[in-house]
């Protein structure tokens, strides 16, 4: 949050409200610029983070089979329209040399990447790349599904439409059976 200019955001919000014809001095809007600036500082806090940092501490465990954390909720802001998109991420990896991450670190990585002006495709690949780089597993498979408010509120106006992206690294790039196994686990309730 140290690099966020709250006053500049407040002024920009005031200008937008004035530009759409609002009275920035009416009671309901008096503190809106301040609230929005604080919200943006929080929502874009990932800009100050390196998602790989969550994998700097690893544990050594005699486990070299699938690890899957599914239904990791997240929200982000579309960099094209600055409106939210939200959904869930599923992260699977197969450890190598006994290197495993704390399970919460997978969720923290997703959150760090999502908390910036973003594209869903970039979230998916950045999370996969961070895990590959830091844990050096046999493979990583990340699936992200999200609803985009830019498709719900404007343009197409199709609420409920979901976008699904995936990133396969290592053994998951070529092994259809292993990818199918993960998808079947994700679909289990």
N, C-alpha and C. Protein backbone atom coordinates (compact mmCIF):
# COMPACT_ATOMS: atom_id res chain seq x y z
N UNK A 1 0.83 -1.20 0.00
CA UNK A 1 0.00 0.00 0.00
C UNK A 1 0.87 1.25 0.00
N UNK A 2 2.16 1.10 0.23
CA UNK A 2 3.03 2.26 0.34
C UNK A 2 3.16 3.04 -0.97
N UNK A 3 2.98 2.37 -2.12
CA UNK A 3 3.11 3.07 -3.39
C UNK A 3 1.78 3.61 -3.91
N UNK A 4 0.72 3.49 -3.12
CA UNK A 4 -0.60 3.93 -3.56
C UNK A 4 -0.81 5.38 -3.14
N UNK A 5 -1.17 6.20 -4.12
CA UNK A 5 -1.44 7.62 -3.89
C UNK A 5 -2.94 7.79 -3.65
N UNK A 6 -3.35 7.69 -2.39
CA UNK A 6 -4.78 7.74 -2.05
C UNK A 6 -5.42 9.06 -2.47
N UNK A 7 -4.72 10.15 -2.29
CA UNK A 7 -5.28 11.47 -2.64
C UNK A 7 -5.53 11.58 -4.14
N UNK A 8 -4.61 11.02 -4.92
CA UNK A 8 -4.77 11.07 -6.38
C UNK A 8 -5.99 10.25 -6.81
N UNK A 9 -6.19 9.10 -6.17
CA UNK A 9 -7.36 8.28 -6.48
C UNK A 9 -8.63 9.04 -6.10
N UNK A 10 -8.62 9.68 -4.92
CA UNK A 10 -9.79 10.46 -4.49
C UNK A 10 -10.15 11.52 -5.53
N UNK A 11 -9.15 12.25 -6.00
CA UNK A 11 -9.40 13.29 -7.00
C UNK A 11 -9.96 12.70 -8.29
N UNK A 12 -9.41 11.57 -8.70
CA UNK A 12 -9.87 10.92 -9.93
C UNK A 12 -11.32 10.46 -9.79
N UNK A 13 -11.68 9.92 -8.65
CA UNK A 13 -13.06 9.47 -8.43
C UNK A 13 -14.00 10.66 -8.44
N UNK A 14 -13.57 11.74 -7.81
CA UNK A 14 -14.38 12.98 -7.84
C UNK A 14 -14.61 13.43 -9.28
N UNK A 15 -13.56 13.39 -10.07
CA UNK A 15 -13.66 13.82 -11.47
C UNK A 15 -14.61 12.91 -12.26
N UNK A 16 -14.55 11.61 -12.02
CA UNK A 16 -15.45 10.68 -12.72
C UNK A 16 -16.90 10.98 -12.33
N UNK A 17 -17.15 11.15 -11.03
CA UNK A 17 -18.51 11.45 -10.58
C UNK A 17 -19.03 12.75 -11.21
N UNK A 18 -18.19 13.75 -11.25
CA UNK A 18 -18.58 15.02 -11.89
C UNK A 18 -18.82 14.82 -13.38
N UNK A 19 -17.97 14.03 -14.02
CA UNK A 19 -18.07 13.81 -15.47
C UNK A 19 -19.36 13.09 -15.87
N UNK A 20 -19.90 12.24 -14.95
CA UNK A 20 -21.16 11.56 -15.28
C UNK A 20 -22.37 12.38 -14.84
N UNK A 21 -22.13 13.58 -14.30
CA UNK A 21 -23.22 14.48 -13.95
C UNK A 21 -23.68 14.42 -12.51
N UNK A 22 -22.89 13.82 -11.64
CA UNK A 22 -23.26 13.73 -10.23
C UNK A 22 -22.82 14.97 -9.46
N UNK A 23 -23.50 15.22 -8.38
CA UNK A 23 -23.14 16.30 -7.46
C UNK A 23 -22.26 15.68 -6.37
N UNK A 24 -20.96 15.93 -6.43
CA UNK A 24 -20.03 15.31 -5.48
C UNK A 24 -20.20 15.86 -4.07
N UNK A 25 -21.02 16.89 -3.91
CA UNK A 25 -21.25 17.47 -2.59
C UNK A 25 -22.54 16.98 -1.93
N UNK A 26 -23.25 16.09 -2.62
CA UNK A 26 -24.47 15.58 -1.98
C UNK A 26 -24.08 14.55 -0.92
N UNK A 27 -24.94 14.43 0.07
CA UNK A 27 -24.63 13.65 1.27
C UNK A 27 -24.11 12.25 0.98
N UNK A 28 -24.75 11.52 0.11
CA UNK A 28 -24.37 10.13 -0.16
C UNK A 28 -23.01 9.97 -0.82
N UNK A 29 -22.51 11.05 -1.44
CA UNK A 29 -21.25 10.95 -2.16
C UNK A 29 -20.07 11.64 -1.47
N UNK A 30 -20.34 12.33 -0.36
CA UNK A 30 -19.27 13.11 0.28
C UNK A 30 -18.01 12.29 0.57
N UNK A 31 -18.16 11.11 1.11
CA UNK A 31 -17.00 10.29 1.47
C UNK A 31 -16.69 9.20 0.45
N UNK A 32 -17.43 9.16 -0.65
CA UNK A 32 -17.21 8.12 -1.66
C UNK A 32 -15.79 8.13 -2.21
N UNK A 33 -15.22 9.26 -2.60
CA UNK A 33 -13.85 9.23 -3.12
C UNK A 33 -12.84 8.62 -2.13
N UNK A 34 -13.00 8.94 -0.85
CA UNK A 34 -12.10 8.38 0.17
C UNK A 34 -12.31 6.87 0.30
N UNK A 35 -13.57 6.45 0.31
CA UNK A 35 -13.86 5.01 0.41
C UNK A 35 -13.31 4.24 -0.79
N UNK A 36 -13.49 4.80 -1.97
CA UNK A 36 -13.01 4.14 -3.18
C UNK A 36 -11.49 4.06 -3.18
N UNK A 37 -10.82 5.11 -2.74
CA UNK A 37 -9.35 5.08 -2.72
C UNK A 37 -8.83 3.99 -1.78
N UNK A 38 -9.47 3.84 -0.62
CA UNK A 38 -9.06 2.78 0.31
C UNK A 38 -9.36 1.40 -0.27
N UNK A 39 -10.51 1.28 -0.93
CA UNK A 39 -10.86 0.01 -1.55
C UNK A 39 -9.85 -0.36 -2.64
N UNK A 40 -9.49 0.62 -3.49
CA UNK A 40 -8.52 0.34 -4.55
C UNK A 40 -7.17 -0.05 -3.97
N UNK A 41 -6.77 0.60 -2.90
CA UNK A 41 -5.49 0.24 -2.27
C UNK A 41 -5.51 -1.23 -1.83
N UNK A 42 -6.63 -1.65 -1.28
CA UNK A 42 -6.76 -3.05 -0.86
C UNK A 42 -6.86 -3.99 -2.06
N UNK A 43 -7.71 -3.64 -3.02
CA UNK A 43 -7.95 -4.52 -4.16
C UNK A 43 -6.73 -4.67 -5.07
N UNK A 44 -5.86 -3.68 -5.07
CA UNK A 44 -4.67 -3.73 -5.92
C UNK A 44 -3.40 -3.96 -5.12
N UNK A 45 -3.53 -4.47 -3.91
CA UNK A 45 -2.36 -4.70 -3.05
C UNK A 45 -1.40 -5.74 -3.62
N UNK A 46 -1.87 -6.57 -4.52
CA UNK A 46 -1.01 -7.57 -5.14
C UNK A 46 0.08 -6.97 -6.01
N UNK A 47 -0.11 -5.72 -6.41
CA UNK A 47 0.93 -5.05 -7.22
C UNK A 47 2.23 -4.91 -6.44
N UNK A 48 2.15 -4.92 -5.13
CA UNK A 48 3.33 -4.76 -4.28
C UNK A 48 3.93 -6.11 -3.86
N UNK A 49 3.39 -7.21 -4.38
CA UNK A 49 3.81 -8.54 -3.95
C UNK A 49 4.37 -9.36 -5.11
N UNK A 50 5.23 -10.29 -4.76
CA UNK A 50 5.72 -11.28 -5.71
C UNK A 50 5.08 -12.61 -5.31
N UNK A 51 4.21 -13.18 -6.14
CA UNK A 51 3.50 -14.40 -5.73
C UNK A 51 4.43 -15.59 -5.46
N UNK A 52 5.63 -15.54 -5.97
CA UNK A 52 6.58 -16.63 -5.73
C UNK A 52 7.03 -16.66 -4.27
N UNK A 53 6.91 -15.52 -3.57
CA UNK A 53 7.38 -15.46 -2.17
C UNK A 53 6.66 -16.47 -1.29
N UNK A 54 5.45 -16.87 -1.67
CA UNK A 54 4.70 -17.81 -0.84
C UNK A 54 5.27 -19.22 -0.88
N UNK A 55 6.18 -19.45 -1.82
CA UNK A 55 6.79 -20.77 -1.94
C UNK A 55 8.26 -20.76 -1.56
N UNK A 56 8.69 -19.72 -0.87
CA UNK A 56 10.10 -19.66 -0.44
C UNK A 56 10.37 -20.62 0.71
N UNK A 57 9.33 -20.96 1.46
CA UNK A 57 9.45 -21.97 2.52
C UNK A 57 8.75 -23.23 2.04
N UNK A 58 9.47 -24.32 2.01
CA UNK A 58 8.87 -25.59 1.59
C UNK A 58 9.09 -26.63 2.68
N UNK A 59 8.30 -27.66 2.60
CA UNK A 59 8.43 -28.78 3.53
C UNK A 59 8.91 -29.98 2.73
N UNK A 60 9.60 -30.86 3.40
CA UNK A 60 10.07 -32.07 2.73
C UNK A 60 9.27 -33.24 3.26
N UNK A 61 8.58 -33.87 2.33
CA UNK A 61 7.69 -34.97 2.68
C UNK A 61 7.86 -36.04 1.62
N UNK A 62 7.82 -37.28 2.03
CA UNK A 62 7.96 -38.38 1.09
C UNK A 62 6.62 -38.59 0.37
N UNK A 63 6.29 -37.62 -0.49
CA UNK A 63 5.02 -37.67 -1.23
C UNK A 63 5.26 -37.12 -2.61
N UNK A 64 5.12 -37.97 -3.60
CA UNK A 64 5.32 -37.52 -4.98
C UNK A 64 4.13 -37.92 -5.84
N UNK A 65 2.96 -37.73 -5.27
CA UNK A 65 1.72 -37.96 -6.02
C UNK A 65 0.87 -36.70 -5.92
N UNK A 66 -0.25 -36.72 -6.57
CA UNK A 66 -1.10 -35.55 -6.73
C UNK A 66 -1.41 -34.83 -5.42
N UNK A 67 -1.28 -33.50 -5.47
CA UNK A 67 -1.77 -32.61 -4.43
C UNK A 67 -2.74 -31.67 -5.15
N UNK A 68 -3.98 -31.61 -4.70
CA UNK A 68 -4.98 -30.77 -5.34
C UNK A 68 -5.70 -29.95 -4.28
N UNK A 69 -5.70 -28.64 -4.47
CA UNK A 69 -6.53 -27.75 -3.65
C UNK A 69 -7.52 -27.14 -4.62
N UNK A 70 -8.80 -27.38 -4.35
CA UNK A 70 -9.83 -26.91 -5.28
C UNK A 70 -10.75 -25.89 -4.63
N UNK A 71 -11.45 -25.18 -5.47
CA UNK A 71 -12.46 -24.20 -5.02
C UNK A 71 -11.85 -23.09 -4.18
N UNK A 72 -10.70 -22.57 -4.61
CA UNK A 72 -10.08 -21.44 -3.93
C UNK A 72 -10.79 -20.17 -4.44
N UNK A 73 -11.58 -19.52 -3.59
CA UNK A 73 -12.31 -18.33 -4.07
C UNK A 73 -11.36 -17.14 -4.26
N UNK A 74 -11.67 -16.32 -5.26
CA UNK A 74 -10.89 -15.11 -5.49
C UNK A 74 -11.78 -14.07 -6.16
N UNK A 75 -11.32 -12.84 -6.12
CA UNK A 75 -11.92 -11.78 -6.93
C UNK A 75 -10.79 -10.93 -7.46
N UNK A 76 -11.06 -10.30 -8.60
CA UNK A 76 -10.05 -9.46 -9.22
C UNK A 76 -10.77 -8.34 -9.97
N UNK A 77 -9.99 -7.49 -10.59
CA UNK A 77 -10.55 -6.39 -11.38
C UNK A 77 -10.04 -6.51 -12.81
N UNK A 78 -10.98 -6.56 -13.73
CA UNK A 78 -10.65 -6.63 -15.16
C UNK A 78 -9.86 -5.38 -15.55
N UNK A 79 -8.70 -5.59 -16.13
CA UNK A 79 -7.88 -4.44 -16.49
C UNK A 79 -8.43 -3.66 -17.68
N UNK A 80 -9.39 -4.24 -18.40
CA UNK A 80 -9.96 -3.55 -19.56
C UNK A 80 -11.07 -2.57 -19.17
N UNK A 81 -11.84 -2.90 -18.12
CA UNK A 81 -12.99 -2.06 -17.75
C UNK A 81 -12.97 -1.63 -16.29
N UNK A 82 -12.03 -2.15 -15.50
CA UNK A 82 -11.95 -1.89 -14.06
C UNK A 82 -13.26 -2.23 -13.35
N UNK A 83 -13.84 -3.34 -13.74
CA UNK A 83 -14.98 -3.90 -13.02
C UNK A 83 -14.56 -5.29 -12.53
N UNK A 84 -15.21 -5.78 -11.49
CA UNK A 84 -14.78 -7.05 -10.89
C UNK A 84 -15.05 -8.27 -11.76
N UNK A 85 -14.24 -9.27 -11.54
CA UNK A 85 -14.58 -10.64 -11.92
C UNK A 85 -14.19 -11.50 -10.74
N UNK A 86 -14.91 -12.60 -10.58
CA UNK A 86 -14.70 -13.42 -9.40
C UNK A 86 -14.99 -14.88 -9.73
N UNK A 87 -14.42 -15.75 -8.95
CA UNK A 87 -14.65 -17.17 -9.20
C UNK A 87 -13.82 -18.02 -8.26
N UNK A 88 -13.35 -19.14 -8.80
CA UNK A 88 -12.55 -20.04 -7.99
C UNK A 88 -11.43 -20.63 -8.83
N UNK A 89 -10.35 -20.94 -8.14
CA UNK A 89 -9.19 -21.54 -8.77
C UNK A 89 -9.00 -22.95 -8.21
N UNK A 90 -8.47 -23.81 -9.04
CA UNK A 90 -8.13 -25.18 -8.65
C UNK A 90 -6.66 -25.37 -9.00
N UNK A 91 -5.87 -25.81 -8.05
CA UNK A 91 -4.43 -25.97 -8.29
C UNK A 91 -4.03 -27.40 -7.96
N UNK A 92 -3.41 -28.04 -8.93
CA UNK A 92 -2.90 -29.39 -8.74
C UNK A 92 -1.42 -29.41 -9.08
N UNK A 93 -0.66 -30.15 -8.29
CA UNK A 93 0.73 -30.36 -8.64
C UNK A 93 1.20 -31.70 -8.10
N UNK A 94 2.25 -32.21 -8.73
CA UNK A 94 2.88 -33.45 -8.28
C UNK A 94 4.27 -33.08 -7.80
N UNK A 95 4.52 -33.19 -6.49
CA UNK A 95 5.82 -32.81 -5.93
C UNK A 95 6.96 -33.63 -6.52
N UNK A 96 8.12 -33.04 -6.47
CA UNK A 96 9.35 -33.71 -6.89
C UNK A 96 10.36 -33.53 -5.78
N UNK A 97 11.16 -34.53 -5.55
CA UNK A 97 12.19 -34.49 -4.50
C UNK A 97 11.60 -34.17 -3.13
N UNK A 98 10.34 -34.52 -2.92
CA UNK A 98 9.71 -34.33 -1.61
C UNK A 98 9.40 -32.89 -1.25
N UNK A 99 9.49 -31.94 -2.21
CA UNK A 99 9.23 -30.52 -1.92
C UNK A 99 7.73 -30.23 -2.03
N UNK A 100 7.11 -29.91 -0.88
CA UNK A 100 5.70 -29.54 -0.87
C UNK A 100 5.54 -28.17 -0.21
N UNK A 101 4.50 -27.48 -0.65
CA UNK A 101 4.20 -26.16 -0.08
C UNK A 101 3.10 -26.32 0.96
N UNK A 102 3.05 -25.41 1.92
CA UNK A 102 1.91 -25.37 2.83
C UNK A 102 0.67 -25.12 1.99
N UNK A 103 -0.40 -25.82 2.27
CA UNK A 103 -1.60 -25.73 1.44
C UNK A 103 -2.15 -24.31 1.36
N UNK A 104 -2.08 -23.57 2.46
CA UNK A 104 -2.60 -22.19 2.44
C UNK A 104 -1.81 -21.30 1.49
N UNK A 105 -0.57 -21.68 1.21
CA UNK A 105 0.27 -20.87 0.32
C UNK A 105 -0.27 -20.86 -1.10
N UNK A 106 -0.93 -21.94 -1.50
CA UNK A 106 -1.53 -21.97 -2.84
C UNK A 106 -2.63 -20.91 -2.94
N UNK A 107 -3.47 -20.83 -1.92
CA UNK A 107 -4.52 -19.80 -1.91
C UNK A 107 -3.95 -18.40 -1.83
N UNK A 108 -2.89 -18.24 -1.06
CA UNK A 108 -2.26 -16.91 -0.94
C UNK A 108 -1.65 -16.47 -2.27
N UNK A 109 -1.10 -17.41 -3.01
CA UNK A 109 -0.54 -17.10 -4.32
C UNK A 109 -1.64 -16.61 -5.26
N UNK A 110 -2.78 -17.31 -5.28
CA UNK A 110 -3.91 -16.90 -6.12
C UNK A 110 -4.34 -15.49 -5.74
N UNK A 111 -4.49 -15.24 -4.45
CA UNK A 111 -4.94 -13.93 -3.98
C UNK A 111 -3.96 -12.83 -4.39
N UNK A 112 -2.68 -13.08 -4.24
CA UNK A 112 -1.66 -12.10 -4.59
C UNK A 112 -1.73 -11.74 -6.08
N UNK A 113 -1.88 -12.75 -6.92
CA UNK A 113 -1.93 -12.51 -8.37
C UNK A 113 -3.23 -11.83 -8.77
N UNK A 114 -4.32 -12.18 -8.09
CA UNK A 114 -5.63 -11.61 -8.44
C UNK A 114 -5.78 -10.16 -8.00
N UNK A 115 -5.05 -9.74 -6.97
CA UNK A 115 -5.23 -8.39 -6.42
C UNK A 115 -4.40 -7.36 -7.18
N UNK A 116 -4.76 -7.19 -8.43
CA UNK A 116 -4.16 -6.19 -9.31
C UNK A 116 -5.04 -6.09 -10.55
N UNK A 117 -4.94 -5.02 -11.30
CA UNK A 117 -5.70 -5.01 -12.56
C UNK A 117 -5.23 -6.23 -13.36
N UNK A 118 -6.17 -7.04 -13.85
CA UNK A 118 -5.76 -8.36 -14.26
C UNK A 118 -6.61 -8.93 -15.38
N UNK A 119 -6.08 -9.98 -15.99
CA UNK A 119 -6.80 -10.82 -16.93
C UNK A 119 -6.85 -12.22 -16.34
N UNK A 120 -7.94 -12.92 -16.54
CA UNK A 120 -8.06 -14.27 -16.01
C UNK A 120 -6.96 -15.18 -16.56
N UNK A 121 -6.67 -15.03 -17.83
CA UNK A 121 -5.63 -15.87 -18.44
C UNK A 121 -4.29 -15.67 -17.75
N UNK A 122 -3.99 -14.44 -17.38
CA UNK A 122 -2.72 -14.14 -16.72
C UNK A 122 -2.68 -14.71 -15.31
N UNK A 123 -3.79 -14.64 -14.59
CA UNK A 123 -3.84 -15.24 -13.25
C UNK A 123 -3.47 -16.72 -13.37
N UNK A 124 -4.10 -17.39 -14.30
CA UNK A 124 -3.91 -18.83 -14.47
C UNK A 124 -2.45 -19.18 -14.75
N UNK A 125 -1.86 -18.51 -15.71
CA UNK A 125 -0.48 -18.84 -16.08
C UNK A 125 0.53 -18.36 -15.04
N UNK A 126 0.29 -17.23 -14.40
CA UNK A 126 1.22 -16.72 -13.39
C UNK A 126 1.28 -17.65 -12.18
N UNK A 127 0.14 -18.15 -11.74
CA UNK A 127 0.12 -19.08 -10.61
C UNK A 127 0.86 -20.36 -10.98
N UNK A 128 0.58 -20.90 -12.16
CA UNK A 128 1.26 -22.13 -12.60
C UNK A 128 2.77 -21.92 -12.69
N UNK A 129 3.18 -20.80 -13.26
CA UNK A 129 4.61 -20.52 -13.42
C UNK A 129 5.31 -20.34 -12.08
N UNK A 130 4.65 -19.67 -11.13
CA UNK A 130 5.25 -19.45 -9.81
C UNK A 130 5.50 -20.78 -9.11
N UNK A 131 4.53 -21.68 -9.18
CA UNK A 131 4.69 -22.99 -8.54
C UNK A 131 5.78 -23.79 -9.23
N UNK A 132 5.78 -23.76 -10.56
CA UNK A 132 6.81 -24.50 -11.31
C UNK A 132 8.21 -24.01 -10.95
N UNK A 133 8.35 -22.70 -10.93
CA UNK A 133 9.66 -22.10 -10.67
C UNK A 133 10.16 -22.37 -9.25
N UNK A 134 9.28 -22.26 -8.28
CA UNK A 134 9.72 -22.32 -6.89
C UNK A 134 9.75 -23.74 -6.30
N UNK A 135 8.83 -24.60 -6.75
CA UNK A 135 8.78 -25.96 -6.18
C UNK A 135 9.43 -27.00 -7.09
N UNK A 136 9.58 -26.64 -8.37
CA UNK A 136 10.13 -27.56 -9.36
C UNK A 136 9.43 -28.92 -9.31
N UNK A 137 8.10 -28.92 -9.35
CA UNK A 137 7.37 -30.19 -9.28
C UNK A 137 7.44 -30.93 -10.62
N UNK A 138 6.94 -32.15 -10.62
CA UNK A 138 6.87 -32.92 -11.87
C UNK A 138 5.87 -32.29 -12.83
N UNK A 139 4.87 -31.64 -12.26
CA UNK A 139 3.87 -30.98 -13.09
C UNK A 139 2.93 -30.13 -12.26
N UNK A 140 2.32 -29.15 -12.93
CA UNK A 140 1.33 -28.26 -12.32
C UNK A 140 0.18 -28.12 -13.30
N UNK A 141 -1.03 -28.11 -12.76
CA UNK A 141 -2.21 -27.87 -13.59
C UNK A 141 -3.11 -26.92 -12.81
N UNK A 142 -3.39 -25.75 -13.39
CA UNK A 142 -4.21 -24.74 -12.76
C UNK A 142 -5.43 -24.50 -13.63
N UNK A 143 -6.59 -24.53 -13.01
CA UNK A 143 -7.84 -24.22 -13.71
C UNK A 143 -8.51 -23.08 -12.94
N UNK A 144 -8.93 -22.06 -13.67
CA UNK A 144 -9.61 -20.92 -13.07
C UNK A 144 -10.94 -20.74 -13.79
N UNK A 145 -12.01 -20.63 -13.00
CA UNK A 145 -13.33 -20.36 -13.58
C UNK A 145 -13.88 -19.11 -12.91
N UNK A 146 -14.41 -18.21 -13.73
CA UNK A 146 -14.85 -16.93 -13.18
C UNK A 146 -15.99 -16.33 -13.97
N UNK A 147 -16.76 -15.49 -13.26
CA UNK A 147 -17.80 -14.68 -13.89
C UNK A 147 -17.29 -13.25 -13.96
N UNK A 148 -17.39 -12.66 -15.13
CA UNK A 148 -16.87 -11.33 -15.38
C UNK A 148 -18.00 -10.32 -15.46
N UNK A 149 -17.93 -9.32 -14.58
CA UNK A 149 -18.97 -8.30 -14.56
C UNK A 149 -19.00 -7.48 -15.86
N UNK A 150 -17.89 -7.44 -16.60
CA UNK A 150 -17.92 -6.71 -17.87
C UNK A 150 -18.82 -7.44 -18.88
N UNK A 151 -19.06 -8.73 -18.67
CA UNK A 151 -20.00 -9.47 -19.53
C UNK A 151 -21.40 -9.46 -18.94
N UNK A 152 -21.52 -9.21 -17.66
CA UNK A 152 -22.81 -9.24 -16.98
C UNK A 152 -23.49 -7.88 -17.00
N UNK A 153 -22.71 -6.83 -16.70
CA UNK A 153 -23.27 -5.49 -16.52
C UNK A 153 -23.33 -4.67 -17.80
N UNK A 154 -22.49 -4.96 -18.76
CA UNK A 154 -22.40 -4.15 -19.97
C UNK A 154 -22.21 -5.05 -21.17
N UNK A 155 -22.14 -4.48 -22.33
CA UNK A 155 -21.85 -5.26 -23.54
C UNK A 155 -22.82 -6.39 -23.74
N UNK A 156 -22.35 -7.60 -23.63
CA UNK A 156 -23.13 -8.81 -23.88
C UNK A 156 -24.30 -8.99 -22.92
N UNK A 157 -24.13 -8.55 -21.68
CA UNK A 157 -25.16 -8.65 -20.63
C UNK A 157 -25.68 -10.08 -20.47
N UNK A 158 -24.78 -10.97 -20.13
CA UNK A 158 -25.12 -12.39 -19.94
C UNK A 158 -24.71 -12.85 -18.55
N UNK A 159 -25.51 -12.51 -17.53
CA UNK A 159 -25.17 -12.95 -16.17
C UNK A 159 -25.12 -14.47 -16.08
N UNK A 160 -24.18 -14.95 -15.30
CA UNK A 160 -24.04 -16.38 -15.10
C UNK A 160 -23.06 -17.05 -16.05
N UNK A 161 -22.70 -16.37 -17.13
CA UNK A 161 -21.72 -16.95 -18.06
C UNK A 161 -20.36 -17.04 -17.36
N UNK A 162 -19.74 -18.19 -17.45
CA UNK A 162 -18.46 -18.39 -16.79
C UNK A 162 -17.37 -18.60 -17.84
N UNK A 163 -16.20 -18.11 -17.53
CA UNK A 163 -15.02 -18.31 -18.37
C UNK A 163 -14.11 -19.27 -17.64
N UNK A 164 -13.59 -20.25 -18.35
CA UNK A 164 -12.68 -21.23 -17.77
C UNK A 164 -11.35 -21.16 -18.51
N UNK A 165 -10.27 -21.06 -17.74
CA UNK A 165 -8.93 -21.06 -18.32
C UNK A 165 -8.10 -22.12 -17.61
N UNK A 166 -7.09 -22.61 -18.30
CA UNK A 166 -6.21 -23.60 -17.67
C UNK A 166 -4.78 -23.36 -18.11
N UNK A 167 -3.87 -23.83 -17.26
CA UNK A 167 -2.44 -23.78 -17.58
C UNK A 167 -1.84 -25.10 -17.14
N UNK A 168 -1.22 -25.78 -18.07
CA UNK A 168 -0.59 -27.07 -17.79
C UNK A 168 0.92 -26.93 -17.93
N UNK A 169 1.63 -27.44 -16.95
CA UNK A 169 3.10 -27.40 -16.97
C UNK A 169 3.62 -28.79 -16.64
N UNK A 170 4.81 -29.08 -17.11
CA UNK A 170 5.44 -30.36 -16.81
C UNK A 170 4.65 -31.53 -17.37
N UNK A 171 4.45 -32.57 -16.55
CA UNK A 171 3.78 -33.78 -17.02
C UNK A 171 2.36 -33.52 -17.51
N UNK A 172 1.73 -32.46 -17.04
CA UNK A 172 0.36 -32.18 -17.44
C UNK A 172 0.25 -31.58 -18.83
N UNK A 173 1.36 -31.14 -19.39
CA UNK A 173 1.32 -30.60 -20.74
C UNK A 173 1.00 -31.67 -21.78
N UNK A 174 1.42 -32.90 -21.53
CA UNK A 174 1.29 -33.94 -22.55
C UNK A 174 0.45 -35.13 -22.12
N UNK A 175 0.13 -35.25 -20.86
CA UNK A 175 -0.56 -36.44 -20.37
C UNK A 175 -2.06 -36.16 -20.19
N UNK A 176 -2.84 -36.53 -21.20
CA UNK A 176 -4.29 -36.31 -21.17
C UNK A 176 -4.96 -37.07 -20.02
N UNK A 177 -4.45 -38.25 -19.70
CA UNK A 177 -5.05 -39.06 -18.64
C UNK A 177 -4.88 -38.36 -17.29
N UNK A 178 -3.70 -37.83 -17.03
CA UNK A 178 -3.45 -37.14 -15.76
C UNK A 178 -4.30 -35.88 -15.65
N UNK A 179 -4.46 -35.15 -16.75
CA UNK A 179 -5.32 -33.95 -16.74
C UNK A 179 -6.78 -34.35 -16.48
N UNK A 180 -7.22 -35.42 -17.11
CA UNK A 180 -8.60 -35.89 -16.91
C UNK A 180 -8.83 -36.31 -15.47
N UNK A 181 -7.83 -36.90 -14.84
CA UNK A 181 -7.94 -37.30 -13.44
C UNK A 181 -8.21 -36.07 -12.56
N UNK A 182 -7.48 -35.00 -12.81
CA UNK A 182 -7.69 -33.78 -12.02
C UNK A 182 -9.10 -33.23 -12.24
N UNK A 183 -9.53 -33.18 -13.47
CA UNK A 183 -10.86 -32.66 -13.77
C UNK A 183 -11.92 -33.48 -13.06
N UNK A 184 -11.75 -34.80 -13.02
CA UNK A 184 -12.75 -35.64 -12.33
C UNK A 184 -12.73 -35.37 -10.81
N UNK A 185 -11.55 -35.13 -10.24
CA UNK A 185 -11.49 -34.79 -8.82
C UNK A 185 -12.14 -33.44 -8.53
N UNK A 186 -11.95 -32.49 -9.42
CA UNK A 186 -12.54 -31.16 -9.24
C UNK A 186 -14.07 -31.26 -9.27
N UNK A 187 -14.59 -32.11 -10.12
CA UNK A 187 -16.05 -32.24 -10.26
C UNK A 187 -16.70 -32.99 -9.11
N UNK A 188 -15.89 -33.67 -8.30
CA UNK A 188 -16.44 -34.37 -7.13
C UNK A 188 -16.88 -33.34 -6.10
N UNK A 189 -18.00 -33.61 -5.42
CA UNK A 189 -18.44 -32.64 -4.41
C UNK A 189 -17.78 -32.88 -3.08
